[in-house]
Amino acid sequence: MLWTLPTSYWPTSGQSEGITPLNAFDNALLRAGIGNLNLVKLSSVLPAGAVRLAEAPVIAPGSLVPTVYTTKTGTKPGEVVAAAVGIGRQREGHGMIYECTGASREAVESQVRRMVEESFAQRGYELHDFLVASAEHRVESVGCALAAVVLWWG
């Protein structure tokens, strides 16, 4: 199978508890609306011309779905876990997606913005717009925060 260039994307995030770290991760995926998909982890390039979707399309369970994502899981009650993805776009041309985890939504959103700005500076690009998706969770027993950018066709 040859992959074609995705033409759309949407950011999402979720946070949840579970009885194990894997269950917490799965529950966060479900809350983000991507729990029944097989995520194919990508690095960080948003295709040129990709359009942001206002809502996720209906995708058959089990589909292979290219996704940039990050997670932070915690097992200490009271601990705060956070995850963020930042999307930077040029006026024309491709964009960049960066991900970050940490101990607060504010910290990861700030860090991911700096990461996107650095990536644009290194490439000599002008940052036209920036979008962030993030999640924060206070752990009860086993918790997870997840942030993602899903790429799709259509």
Protein backbone atom coordinates (compact mmCIF):
# COMPACT_ATOMS: atom_id res chain seq x y z
CA MET A 1 0.00 0.00 0.00
CA LEU A 2 1.30 3.43 -0.88
CA TRP A 3 0.30 6.33 1.29
CA THR A 4 -0.93 9.47 -0.41
CA LEU A 5 -0.50 12.95 1.02
CA PRO A 6 -3.18 13.68 3.65
CA THR A 7 -5.37 16.65 2.75
CA SER A 8 -6.89 17.46 6.12
CA TYR A 9 -6.17 17.36 9.84
CA TRP A 10 -7.76 18.00 13.19
CA PRO A 11 -6.32 18.51 16.66
CA THR A 12 -7.74 16.62 19.62
CA SER A 13 -6.97 15.85 23.24
CA GLY A 14 -8.24 13.75 26.10
CA GLN A 15 -7.52 12.81 29.67
CA SER A 16 -8.68 9.96 31.84
CA GLU A 17 -8.10 7.43 34.59
CA GLY A 18 -7.65 3.67 34.22
CA ILE A 19 -6.75 0.63 36.26
CA THR A 20 -3.34 0.39 34.52
CA PRO A 21 -1.26 2.90 32.51
CA LEU A 22 -2.41 1.20 29.29
CA ASN A 23 -6.07 1.44 30.32
CA ALA A 24 -5.60 5.12 31.24
CA PHE A 25 -4.03 5.71 27.80
CA ASP A 26 -6.86 3.86 26.06
CA ASN A 27 -9.48 5.81 28.00
CA ALA A 28 -7.77 9.11 27.10
CA LEU A 29 -7.82 8.01 23.43
CA LEU A 30 -11.54 7.32 23.73
CA ARG A 31 -12.16 10.76 25.26
CA ALA A 32 -10.19 12.31 22.39
CA GLY A 33 -12.41 10.49 19.88
CA ILE A 34 -9.64 8.31 18.45
CA GLY A 35 -9.81 5.24 20.69
CA ASN A 36 -11.08 2.83 18.05
CA LEU A 37 -8.42 3.67 15.47
CA ASN A 38 -4.94 2.20 14.89
CA LEU A 39 -2.71 5.24 15.17
CA VAL A 40 0.40 5.31 13.00
CA LYS A 41 2.77 7.63 14.86
CA LEU A 42 4.29 10.38 12.72
CA SER A 43 7.06 12.87 13.31
CA SER A 44 6.21 16.51 12.73
CA VAL A 45 5.37 17.76 9.22
CA LEU A 46 1.91 19.05 8.32
CA PRO A 47 1.42 18.69 4.54
CA ALA A 48 1.10 21.88 2.50
CA GLY A 49 -2.51 22.75 1.79
CA ALA A 50 -3.93 20.49 4.50
CA VAL A 51 -7.24 21.91 5.72
CA ARG A 52 -8.28 21.91 9.38
CA LEU A 53 -11.53 20.03 9.90
CA ALA A 54 -14.07 21.46 12.33
CA GLU A 55 -14.89 17.96 13.53
CA ALA A 56 -13.52 14.49 13.10
CA PRO A 57 -14.86 12.52 10.14
CA VAL A 58 -16.40 9.10 10.61
CA ILE A 59 -13.58 6.57 10.24
CA ALA A 60 -14.09 2.81 10.37
CA PRO A 61 -12.82 1.21 13.59
CA GLY A 62 -9.43 -0.42 13.07
CA SER A 63 -8.38 1.96 10.29
CA LEU A 64 -4.71 2.91 10.09
CA VAL A 65 -4.61 6.63 10.83
CA PRO A 66 -1.49 8.84 10.63
CA THR A 67 -1.21 10.84 13.85
CA VAL A 68 1.26 13.03 15.70
CA TYR A 69 0.60 12.44 19.39
CA THR A 70 2.10 12.54 22.84
CA THR A 71 1.02 11.22 26.23
CA LYS A 72 1.95 11.61 29.86
CA THR A 73 0.89 8.99 32.38
CA GLY A 74 1.09 9.32 36.14
CA THR A 75 0.60 6.91 39.04
CA LYS A 76 0.99 9.21 42.07
CA PRO A 77 -2.36 10.39 43.45
CA GLY A 78 -2.56 14.18 43.22
CA GLU A 79 0.14 14.42 40.53
CA VAL A 80 -0.78 16.57 37.52
CA VAL A 81 0.09 15.29 34.05
CA ALA A 82 -0.26 17.36 30.88
CA ALA A 83 0.27 16.95 27.15
CA ALA A 84 0.17 19.42 24.25
CA VAL A 85 0.62 19.50 20.49
CA GLY A 86 1.35 22.74 18.68
CA ILE A 87 0.68 23.31 14.99
CA GLY A 88 2.54 26.07 13.18
CA ARG A 89 1.62 27.02 9.63
CA GLN A 90 3.16 29.20 6.97
CA ARG A 91 0.90 31.35 4.82
CA GLU A 92 1.72 28.92 1.99
CA GLY A 93 3.67 25.70 2.23
CA HIS A 94 3.88 22.96 4.80
CA GLY A 95 3.57 23.37 8.54
CA MET A 96 5.20 21.83 11.59
CA ILE A 97 3.71 19.95 14.51
CA TYR A 98 5.51 19.64 17.85
CA GLU A 99 4.52 17.80 21.00
CA CYS A 100 5.37 18.26 24.67
CA THR A 101 4.50 16.72 28.04
CA GLY A 102 4.90 18.04 31.55
CA ALA A 103 3.22 18.89 34.83
CA SER A 104 0.76 21.63 33.79
CA ARG A 105 -1.27 22.70 30.77
CA GLU A 106 0.18 26.20 30.96
CA ALA A 107 3.76 24.92 30.91
CA VAL A 108 3.31 22.48 28.01
CA GLU A 109 1.38 25.00 25.90
CA SER A 110 4.11 27.59 26.41
CA GLN A 111 6.89 25.10 25.67
CA VAL A 112 5.27 23.70 22.54
CA ARG A 113 4.84 27.25 21.17
CA ARG A 114 8.56 27.92 21.71
CA MET A 115 9.38 24.62 19.98
CA VAL A 116 7.29 25.51 16.92
CA GLU A 117 8.82 29.00 16.78
CA GLU A 118 12.32 27.48 16.93
CA SER A 119 11.54 25.01 14.14
CA PHE A 120 10.30 27.84 11.93
CA ALA A 121 13.33 30.01 12.70
CA GLN A 122 15.69 27.14 11.84
CA ARG A 123 13.95 26.67 8.49
CA GLY A 124 13.77 30.40 7.70
CA TYR A 125 9.95 30.28 7.61
CA GLU A 126 7.52 32.93 8.79
CA LEU A 127 4.99 31.65 11.33
CA HIS A 128 1.58 32.66 9.97
CA ASP A 129 -0.64 30.97 12.54
CA PHE A 130 -0.32 28.73 15.56
CA LEU A 131 -2.80 26.34 17.13
CA VAL A 132 -2.45 24.26 20.28
CA ALA A 133 -4.42 21.30 21.63
CA SER A 134 -3.75 20.20 25.18
CA ALA A 135 -5.01 18.15 28.10
CA GLU A 136 -4.30 18.23 31.81
CA HIS A 137 -5.25 15.60 34.38
CA ARG A 138 -4.95 15.33 38.16
CA VAL A 139 -4.19 11.69 38.90
CA GLU A 140 -6.51 9.80 41.22
CA SER A 141 -4.85 6.39 40.87
CA VAL A 142 -3.49 5.98 37.31
CA GLY A 143 -4.09 8.86 34.91
CA CYS A 144 -3.15 9.92 31.41
CA ALA A 145 -3.19 13.16 29.40
CA LEU A 146 -3.00 12.92 25.60
CA ALA A 147 -2.80 15.47 22.78
CA ALA A 148 -2.83 14.65 19.07
CA VAL A 149 -3.05 15.94 15.53
CA VAL A 150 -4.75 13.47 13.22
CA LEU A 151 -4.05 13.63 9.49
CA TRP A 152 -6.67 12.36 7.03
CA TRP A 153 -7.91 12.44 3.47
CA GLY A 154 -10.95 14.54 2.69
